[in-house]
């Protein structure tokens, strides 16, 4: 439902849950249409939800600047969409596929961890140069770049309670800038690596098939009940995984992302089902659902950003974020690509690292999907990047970030 009301001469356009989601879906389709019509966007692998979301973000900015109108959204489905997406990632992670990642998964994990340490060094270094207080500088480091909006909000609240009133705002702004840059540079960097090195996918590992060819078994088309069972499996993993994440959070006395629990419960179900055959699992069906959930999540996230709230933060915080972007681009292009093997998988994983290393794991998947749509599938990248970005990197990123905070922020006892 959409309601209109005028408050202080500004037309407020209020969108409920369904209207917000419908608008995001329309913007997503507009993004695909524009991308198809503008060769530049396809050439540089700019994701469709970014195109549609950015377009609307500038519309809301114009409304604010003129005082003519303002949009108010109910983004209640944004997190469930993200949760559903990560659940489908888990369901796609069979042990056989993960074994193919092998040592490459460990290498990528270590690379991501080193990147998070470098990001914190950049933050404190530029804080010393610009005079920005260390809590605000660190919020523009690994906290927001690797941790995303969730970590930025958590640490920002802590700093606010410690006497740094702009903590939450700075954290949200840094995470937002990182998200924007992450989805803008990931595809183009991967494209440059692929074109320059004449890289092609390993067709032997391309497990992608069209939705029209969904088969539960050779020659057997999915029945309606099979489809329902696949959907029920996703929902059950979301519910159980969220509960497990809550228990873990209480156990370790800190926030634990619900999508991490959902992803690992889904991984367990997938591999148990391969052994006991409880239902006819369909990877193409689940993969398609995950793709829809991811695109809707990002469309809602981008269209609901208030660009005008970030204008006051252009200065030291933005300088730090830009430095993070430049350094990570250079690292991916000259170092990480070579460490990961200088092949097609490495190029796609660089797109993923730029996504979750500057914004969030869904951004990494969007970047890699844009590359996949143009050049082909990298199953290793799609298996390794989400697991590292969603969970494994936290094993080192969280402790070393707390060390930085304890060294540079007086009074922190976290």
Protein backbone atom coordinates (compact mmCIF):
# COMPACT_ATOMS: atom_id res chain seq x y z
CA UNK A 1 0.00 0.00 0.00
CA UNK A 2 1.14 3.53 -0.81
CA UNK A 3 0.02 6.58 1.15
CA UNK A 4 0.66 10.27 0.58
CA UNK A 5 0.88 13.02 3.15
CA UNK A 6 2.21 16.55 3.11
CA UNK A 7 4.47 17.56 6.00
CA UNK A 8 5.91 21.07 6.02
CA UNK A 9 5.26 21.46 2.29
CA UNK A 10 7.07 18.22 1.48
CA UNK A 11 5.10 15.40 -0.11
CA UNK A 12 5.90 12.22 1.84
CA UNK A 13 5.45 9.05 -0.19
CA UNK A 14 5.09 6.16 2.27
CA UNK A 15 5.59 2.64 0.90
CA UNK A 16 4.61 -0.38 2.95
CA UNK A 17 6.40 -3.72 2.84
CA UNK A 18 4.78 -4.96 -0.36
CA UNK A 19 5.04 -1.63 -2.19
CA UNK A 20 8.71 -1.30 -1.24
CA UNK A 21 9.48 -4.79 -2.52
CA UNK A 22 7.48 -4.26 -5.71
CA UNK A 23 9.31 -1.01 -6.41
CA UNK A 24 12.65 -2.75 -5.89
CA UNK A 25 11.59 -5.47 -8.33
CA UNK A 26 10.60 -2.89 -10.95
CA UNK A 27 13.89 -1.05 -10.48
CA UNK A 28 15.71 -4.35 -10.90
CA UNK A 29 14.01 -4.92 -14.26
CA UNK A 30 14.75 -1.33 -15.27
CA UNK A 31 18.38 -1.99 -14.38
CA UNK A 32 18.48 -5.05 -16.64
CA UNK A 33 16.82 -3.08 -19.45
CA UNK A 34 19.26 -0.17 -19.17
CA UNK A 35 22.21 -2.55 -18.97
CA UNK A 36 21.05 -4.24 -22.16
CA UNK A 37 20.69 -0.90 -23.94
CA UNK A 38 23.99 0.61 -22.76
CA UNK A 39 26.97 -1.45 -23.97
CA UNK A 40 29.30 0.30 -21.53
CA UNK A 41 27.45 -1.19 -18.54
CA UNK A 42 27.58 -4.71 -19.95
CA UNK A 43 31.17 -4.30 -21.04
CA UNK A 44 32.29 -3.36 -17.53
CA UNK A 45 30.04 -5.88 -15.74
CA UNK A 46 28.02 -3.31 -13.75
CA UNK A 47 25.27 -5.28 -11.89
CA UNK A 48 21.63 -4.59 -12.84
CA UNK A 49 20.40 -3.90 -9.27
CA UNK A 50 23.16 -1.31 -8.89
CA UNK A 51 21.98 0.46 -12.04
CA UNK A 52 18.32 0.54 -11.00
CA UNK A 53 19.10 1.32 -7.36
CA UNK A 54 21.47 4.15 -8.25
CA UNK A 55 18.92 5.67 -10.59
CA UNK A 56 16.31 5.82 -7.85
CA UNK A 57 18.83 7.00 -5.26
CA UNK A 58 19.44 10.13 -7.33
CA UNK A 59 15.69 10.66 -7.66
CA UNK A 60 15.31 10.66 -3.87
CA UNK A 61 18.32 12.98 -3.63
CA UNK A 62 16.63 15.44 -6.00
CA UNK A 63 13.48 15.30 -3.89
CA UNK A 64 15.43 16.14 -0.75
CA UNK A 65 17.41 18.96 -2.34
CA UNK A 66 14.27 20.63 -3.70
CA UNK A 67 12.15 19.83 -0.66
CA UNK A 68 9.41 18.70 -3.02
CA UNK A 69 9.07 15.06 -2.00
CA UNK A 70 10.51 12.28 0.14
CA UNK A 71 10.20 8.48 0.09
CA UNK A 72 9.75 6.41 3.23
CA UNK A 73 10.30 2.68 2.80
CA UNK A 74 9.54 -0.43 4.83
CA UNK A 75 12.63 -2.56 4.19
CA UNK A 76 11.51 -5.41 6.44
CA UNK A 77 12.10 -8.02 3.72
CA UNK A 78 15.67 -6.94 2.99
CA UNK A 79 17.26 -9.17 5.64
CA UNK A 80 15.02 -12.19 4.90
CA UNK A 81 16.04 -11.91 1.24
CA UNK A 82 19.71 -11.90 2.28
CA UNK A 83 19.09 -14.83 4.62
CA UNK A 84 17.39 -16.81 1.85
CA UNK A 85 20.24 -16.10 -0.53
CA UNK A 86 22.92 -17.37 1.85
CA UNK A 87 20.80 -20.43 2.53
CA UNK A 88 20.84 -21.24 -1.18
CA UNK A 89 24.62 -20.74 -1.16
CA UNK A 90 24.86 -23.36 1.57
CA UNK A 91 22.60 -25.74 -0.33
CA UNK A 92 24.92 -25.42 -3.30
CA UNK A 93 27.97 -26.46 -1.29
CA UNK A 94 28.37 -30.18 -1.63
CA UNK A 95 31.48 -31.71 -0.08
CA UNK A 96 32.66 -32.79 -3.52
CA UNK A 97 32.56 -29.22 -4.78
CA UNK A 98 34.25 -27.85 -1.65
CA UNK A 99 37.05 -30.38 -2.06
CA UNK A 100 37.69 -28.87 -5.46
CA UNK A 101 38.43 -25.60 -3.66
CA UNK A 102 41.11 -27.36 -1.61
CA UNK A 103 44.18 -25.31 -0.86
CA UNK A 104 42.74 -22.42 -2.89
CA UNK A 105 40.10 -21.86 -0.21
CA UNK A 106 42.80 -21.59 2.47
CA UNK A 107 44.87 -19.22 0.33
CA UNK A 108 41.87 -16.98 -0.39
CA UNK A 109 40.96 -16.95 3.31
CA UNK A 110 44.47 -15.88 4.30
CA UNK A 111 44.46 -13.19 1.61
CA UNK A 112 41.16 -11.78 2.92
CA UNK A 113 42.54 -11.78 6.48
CA UNK A 114 45.70 -9.92 5.43
CA UNK A 115 43.55 -7.40 3.55
CA UNK A 116 41.57 -6.68 6.73
CA UNK A 117 44.80 -5.97 8.64
CA UNK A 118 46.04 -3.65 5.88
CA UNK A 119 42.71 -1.78 6.00
CA UNK A 120 43.13 -1.04 9.70
CA UNK A 121 46.68 0.18 9.16
CA UNK A 122 45.40 2.52 6.43
CA UNK A 123 42.75 3.87 8.82
CA UNK A 124 45.06 4.68 11.72
CA UNK A 125 47.75 5.99 9.38
CA UNK A 126 45.43 8.47 7.67
CA UNK A 127 43.90 9.41 11.02
CA UNK A 128 47.33 10.55 12.16
CA UNK A 129 47.72 12.62 8.98
CA UNK A 130 44.24 14.19 8.88
CA UNK A 131 43.69 14.58 12.61
CA UNK A 132 40.52 12.48 12.51
CA UNK A 133 39.76 10.82 15.83
CA UNK A 134 40.78 7.16 15.84
CA UNK A 135 37.31 5.69 16.53
CA UNK A 136 35.93 7.39 13.42
CA UNK A 137 38.96 6.36 11.38
CA UNK A 138 38.68 2.73 12.45
CA UNK A 139 35.01 2.75 11.50
CA UNK A 140 36.22 3.44 7.95
CA UNK A 141 38.59 0.48 8.14
CA UNK A 142 37.99 -3.25 8.35
CA UNK A 143 34.96 -2.72 10.59
CA UNK A 144 32.91 -1.27 7.75
CA UNK A 145 34.84 -2.61 4.77
CA UNK A 146 34.98 -6.29 5.77
CA UNK A 147 32.26 -6.22 8.45
CA UNK A 148 29.70 -4.24 6.47
CA UNK A 149 26.73 -2.34 7.86
CA UNK A 150 26.12 -4.83 10.68
CA UNK A 151 29.58 -4.45 12.20
CA UNK A 152 29.58 -0.71 11.51
CA UNK A 153 26.35 -0.33 13.46
CA UNK A 154 27.56 -2.48 16.35
CA UNK A 155 30.95 -0.80 16.77
CA UNK A 156 29.47 2.62 15.96
CA UNK A 157 27.01 2.23 18.84
CA UNK A 158 29.83 1.21 21.16
CA UNK A 159 31.87 4.29 20.20
CA UNK A 160 28.81 6.52 20.61
CA UNK A 161 28.35 5.21 24.13
CA UNK A 162 32.03 5.97 24.78
CA UNK A 163 31.57 9.64 23.90
CA UNK A 164 31.95 9.76 20.13
CA UNK A 165 28.44 10.93 19.11
CA UNK A 166 28.85 10.47 15.35
CA UNK A 167 29.89 6.83 15.68
CA UNK A 168 26.76 5.26 14.20
CA UNK A 169 26.51 7.83 11.40
CA UNK A 170 30.17 7.54 10.44
CA UNK A 171 29.99 3.75 10.47
CA UNK A 172 26.86 3.69 8.33
CA UNK A 173 28.34 6.22 5.89
CA UNK A 174 31.64 4.35 5.56
CA UNK A 175 29.85 1.04 5.02
CA UNK A 176 27.59 2.68 2.45
CA UNK A 177 30.46 4.24 0.53
CA UNK A 178 32.26 0.90 0.66
CA UNK A 179 29.19 -0.93 -0.63
CA UNK A 180 28.83 1.52 -3.52
CA UNK A 181 32.50 1.36 -4.50
CA UNK A 182 32.59 -2.41 -4.06
CA UNK A 183 29.86 -3.08 -6.61
CA UNK A 184 31.22 -0.45 -9.00
CA UNK A 185 34.84 -1.61 -9.24
CA UNK A 186 34.59 -5.39 -8.86
CA UNK A 187 33.27 -6.21 -12.32
CA UNK A 188 35.52 -3.80 -14.24
CA UNK A 189 38.69 -5.05 -12.49
CA UNK A 190 37.78 -8.66 -13.24
CA UNK A 191 37.03 -7.75 -16.84
CA UNK A 192 40.43 -6.05 -17.19
CA UNK A 193 42.20 -9.13 -15.84
CA UNK A 194 40.20 -11.49 -18.07
CA UNK A 195 40.65 -9.46 -21.26
CA UNK A 196 44.31 -8.65 -20.69
CA UNK A 197 45.26 -12.25 -19.92
CA UNK A 198 42.84 -13.86 -22.43
CA UNK A 199 41.25 -16.00 -19.73
CA UNK A 200 38.39 -18.45 -20.20
CA UNK A 201 36.36 -20.56 -17.75
CA UNK A 202 37.23 -24.15 -16.99
CA UNK A 203 34.32 -25.79 -18.81
CA UNK A 204 34.84 -29.06 -16.94
CA UNK A 205 33.68 -27.33 -13.73
CA UNK A 206 30.79 -25.40 -15.23
CA UNK A 207 27.80 -26.99 -13.47
CA UNK A 208 25.38 -24.27 -14.53
CA UNK A 209 22.27 -25.34 -16.42
CA UNK A 210 19.17 -23.52 -17.52
CA UNK A 211 16.03 -23.48 -15.39
CA UNK A 212 14.09 -25.09 -18.23
CA UNK A 213 16.31 -28.17 -17.95
CA UNK A 214 15.75 -28.71 -14.23
CA UNK A 215 15.99 -32.45 -13.54
CA UNK A 216 15.80 -34.22 -10.22
CA UNK A 217 17.49 -37.23 -11.82
CA UNK A 218 18.55 -38.06 -15.37
CA UNK A 219 15.45 -37.82 -17.55
CA UNK A 220 13.14 -37.06 -14.61
CA UNK A 221 11.49 -33.63 -14.51
CA UNK A 222 10.71 -32.09 -11.11
CA UNK A 223 7.13 -32.51 -9.94
CA UNK A 224 5.21 -29.78 -8.12
CA UNK A 225 5.82 -31.63 -4.87
CA UNK A 226 9.56 -31.73 -5.60
CA UNK A 227 9.57 -27.96 -6.06
CA UNK A 228 7.66 -27.49 -2.81
CA UNK A 229 10.13 -29.72 -0.96
CA UNK A 230 13.05 -27.67 -2.26
CA UNK A 231 11.39 -24.44 -1.11
CA UNK A 232 10.50 -25.96 2.29
CA UNK A 233 14.14 -27.02 2.70
CA UNK A 234 15.25 -23.41 2.14
CA UNK A 235 12.74 -22.04 4.66
CA UNK A 236 13.57 -24.72 7.25
CA UNK A 237 17.30 -24.00 6.97
CA UNK A 238 16.61 -20.28 7.34
CA UNK A 239 14.63 -20.86 10.52
CA UNK A 240 16.94 -23.42 12.13
CA UNK A 241 20.05 -21.54 11.08
CA UNK A 242 18.79 -18.28 12.58
CA UNK A 243 18.08 -20.08 15.84
CA UNK A 244 21.54 -21.63 15.87
CA UNK A 245 23.13 -18.23 15.19
CA UNK A 246 21.22 -16.81 18.15
CA UNK A 247 22.54 -19.57 20.42
CA UNK A 248 26.10 -19.02 19.22
CA UNK A 249 25.76 -15.27 19.77
CA UNK A 250 24.72 -15.82 23.37
CA UNK A 251 27.52 -18.34 23.86
CA UNK A 252 30.27 -16.00 22.66
CA UNK A 253 28.54 -12.89 24.04
CA UNK A 254 28.56 -10.97 20.76
CA UNK A 255 26.49 -10.60 17.65
CA UNK A 256 26.62 -13.56 15.28
CA UNK A 257 25.09 -13.11 11.80
CA UNK A 258 21.95 -15.18 11.28
CA UNK A 259 22.88 -15.87 7.67
CA UNK A 260 26.06 -17.66 8.74
CA UNK A 261 24.05 -20.21 10.73
CA UNK A 262 21.55 -20.60 7.90
CA UNK A 263 24.31 -21.18 5.37
CA UNK A 264 26.00 -23.90 7.41
CA UNK A 265 22.75 -25.66 8.31
CA UNK A 266 21.99 -25.67 4.58
CA UNK A 267 25.43 -27.12 3.84
CA UNK A 268 24.78 -29.92 6.34
CA UNK A 269 21.35 -30.66 4.83
CA UNK A 270 22.72 -30.72 1.29
CA UNK A 271 25.40 -33.26 2.11
CA UNK A 272 23.18 -35.44 4.31
CA UNK A 273 20.58 -35.45 1.54
CA UNK A 274 23.21 -36.67 -0.93
CA UNK A 275 23.73 -39.64 1.38
CA UNK A 276 20.15 -40.41 2.46
CA UNK A 277 18.12 -38.98 -0.48
CA UNK A 278 15.27 -37.46 1.55
CA UNK A 279 14.07 -35.37 -1.38
CA UNK A 280 14.95 -34.61 -4.99
CA UNK A 281 17.33 -31.68 -4.59
CA UNK A 282 17.56 -29.41 -7.63
CA UNK A 283 20.61 -27.17 -7.83
CA UNK A 284 19.35 -25.11 -10.80
CA UNK A 285 16.05 -24.41 -9.00
CA UNK A 286 17.74 -23.44 -5.73
CA UNK A 287 20.38 -21.41 -7.57
CA UNK A 288 17.66 -19.52 -9.44
CA UNK A 289 15.81 -18.72 -6.21
CA UNK A 290 19.05 -17.50 -4.66
CA UNK A 291 19.73 -15.25 -7.65
CA UNK A 292 16.30 -13.62 -7.29
CA UNK A 293 16.75 -13.13 -3.54
CA UNK A 294 20.20 -11.58 -3.99
CA UNK A 295 19.07 -9.13 -6.65
CA UNK A 296 16.03 -8.03 -4.64
CA UNK A 297 18.16 -7.60 -1.52
CA UNK A 298 20.65 -5.34 -3.28
CA UNK A 299 17.94 -3.38 -5.12
CA UNK A 300 16.20 -2.58 -1.81
CA UNK A 301 19.51 -1.75 -0.11
CA UNK A 302 20.58 0.70 -2.80
CA UNK A 303 17.25 2.37 -3.52
CA UNK A 304 16.73 3.11 0.19
CA UNK A 305 20.11 4.80 0.63
CA UNK A 306 19.81 8.50 1.45
CA UNK A 307 22.61 10.12 -0.50
CA UNK A 308 22.05 13.49 1.15
CA UNK A 309 22.92 12.06 4.57
CA UNK A 310 26.42 11.33 3.34
CA UNK A 311 27.25 14.81 2.03
CA UNK A 312 28.36 16.14 5.40
CA UNK A 313 30.88 13.33 5.71
CA UNK A 314 32.87 14.18 2.61
CA UNK A 315 36.29 14.79 4.12
CA UNK A 316 38.63 12.62 6.18
CA UNK A 317 36.22 9.64 6.39
CA UNK A 318 35.64 9.60 2.64
CA UNK A 319 39.38 10.04 2.09
CA UNK A 320 40.03 6.89 4.12
CA UNK A 321 37.37 4.93 2.22
CA UNK A 322 38.78 6.06 -1.14
CA UNK A 323 42.24 5.01 0.03
CA UNK A 324 40.82 1.58 0.95
CA UNK A 325 39.34 1.26 -2.53
CA UNK A 326 42.51 2.28 -4.35
CA UNK A 327 44.75 0.02 -2.27
CA UNK A 328 42.46 -3.01 -2.67
CA UNK A 329 42.19 -2.49 -6.43
CA UNK A 330 45.99 -2.37 -6.71
CA UNK A 331 46.38 -5.41 -4.46
CA UNK A 332 43.86 -7.42 -6.50
CA UNK A 333 45.36 -6.45 -9.83
CA UNK A 334 49.07 -6.82 -9.04
CA UNK A 335 49.22 -9.27 -6.13
CA UNK A 336 46.07 -11.25 -5.31
CA UNK A 337 45.40 -12.31 -8.90
CA UNK A 338 48.87 -13.87 -9.07
CA UNK A 339 48.64 -15.50 -5.65
CA UNK A 340 45.34 -17.15 -6.59
CA UNK A 341 46.76 -18.69 -9.74
CA UNK A 342 46.55 -16.08 -12.57
CA UNK A 343 43.60 -17.94 -14.15
CA UNK A 344 39.91 -17.32 -14.74
CA UNK A 345 38.94 -18.45 -11.24
CA UNK A 346 41.45 -15.97 -9.80
CA UNK A 347 39.99 -13.08 -11.80
CA UNK A 348 36.44 -13.87 -10.67
CA UNK A 349 37.58 -14.20 -7.06
CA UNK A 350 39.22 -10.77 -7.32
CA UNK A 351 35.78 -9.40 -8.23
CA UNK A 352 34.43 -11.18 -5.17
CA UNK A 353 37.17 -9.84 -2.88
CA UNK A 354 36.47 -6.29 -4.03
CA UNK A 355 32.81 -6.89 -3.22
CA UNK A 356 33.06 -8.28 0.32
CA UNK A 357 36.36 -6.54 1.05
CA UNK A 358 34.71 -3.15 0.57
CA UNK A 359 31.05 -3.80 1.24
CA UNK A 360 29.37 -7.10 1.93
CA UNK A 361 29.34 -10.71 0.80
CA UNK A 362 26.15 -10.23 -1.28
CA UNK A 363 28.05 -7.51 -3.18
CA UNK A 364 30.75 -10.07 -3.90
CA UNK A 365 28.18 -12.45 -5.36
CA UNK A 366 26.61 -9.68 -7.43
CA UNK A 367 30.04 -8.79 -8.83
CA UNK A 368 30.85 -12.40 -9.66
CA UNK A 369 27.41 -12.95 -11.16
CA UNK A 370 27.91 -9.98 -13.47
CA UNK A 371 31.23 -11.47 -14.59
CA UNK A 372 29.70 -14.94 -14.93
CA UNK A 373 26.89 -13.61 -17.14
CA UNK A 374 29.42 -12.17 -19.56
CA UNK A 375 32.30 -14.65 -19.51
CA UNK A 376 31.10 -17.87 -17.90
CA UNK A 377 30.88 -19.72 -14.58
CA UNK A 378 33.64 -20.14 -12.01
CA UNK A 379 32.29 -22.73 -9.59
CA UNK A 380 35.36 -22.49 -7.37
CA UNK A 381 34.85 -18.75 -6.92
CA UNK A 382 31.15 -19.17 -6.15
CA UNK A 383 31.94 -21.81 -3.54
CA UNK A 384 34.98 -20.22 -1.88
CA UNK A 385 34.14 -16.51 -1.76
CA UNK A 386 30.78 -16.72 0.10
CA UNK A 387 32.17 -19.06 2.77
CA UNK A 388 35.23 -16.90 3.40
CA UNK A 389 33.38 -13.59 3.16
CA UNK A 390 30.44 -14.62 5.32
CA UNK A 391 32.26 -16.39 8.10
CA UNK A 392 35.90 -17.50 7.87
CA UNK A 393 37.36 -14.01 7.54
CA UNK A 394 35.76 -13.06 10.88
CA UNK A 395 38.09 -15.49 12.66
CA UNK A 396 41.00 -13.09 12.10
CA UNK A 397 39.27 -9.80 11.20
CA UNK A 398 37.39 -9.51 14.51
CA UNK A 399 40.28 -10.19 16.95
CA UNK A 400 42.83 -8.05 15.12
CA UNK A 401 40.33 -5.17 14.83
CA UNK A 402 39.73 -5.30 18.58
CA UNK A 403 43.50 -5.15 19.10
CA UNK A 404 43.66 -2.00 16.96
CA UNK A 405 40.80 -0.45 18.92
CA UNK A 406 42.41 -1.26 22.26
CA UNK A 407 45.70 0.26 21.06
CA UNK A 408 44.24 3.48 19.67
CA UNK A 409 40.94 4.11 21.49
CA UNK A 410 41.17 4.94 25.17
CA UNK A 411 38.60 3.35 27.44
CA UNK A 412 37.60 0.51 25.11
CA UNK A 413 37.01 -2.73 27.05
CA UNK A 414 35.30 -4.90 24.39
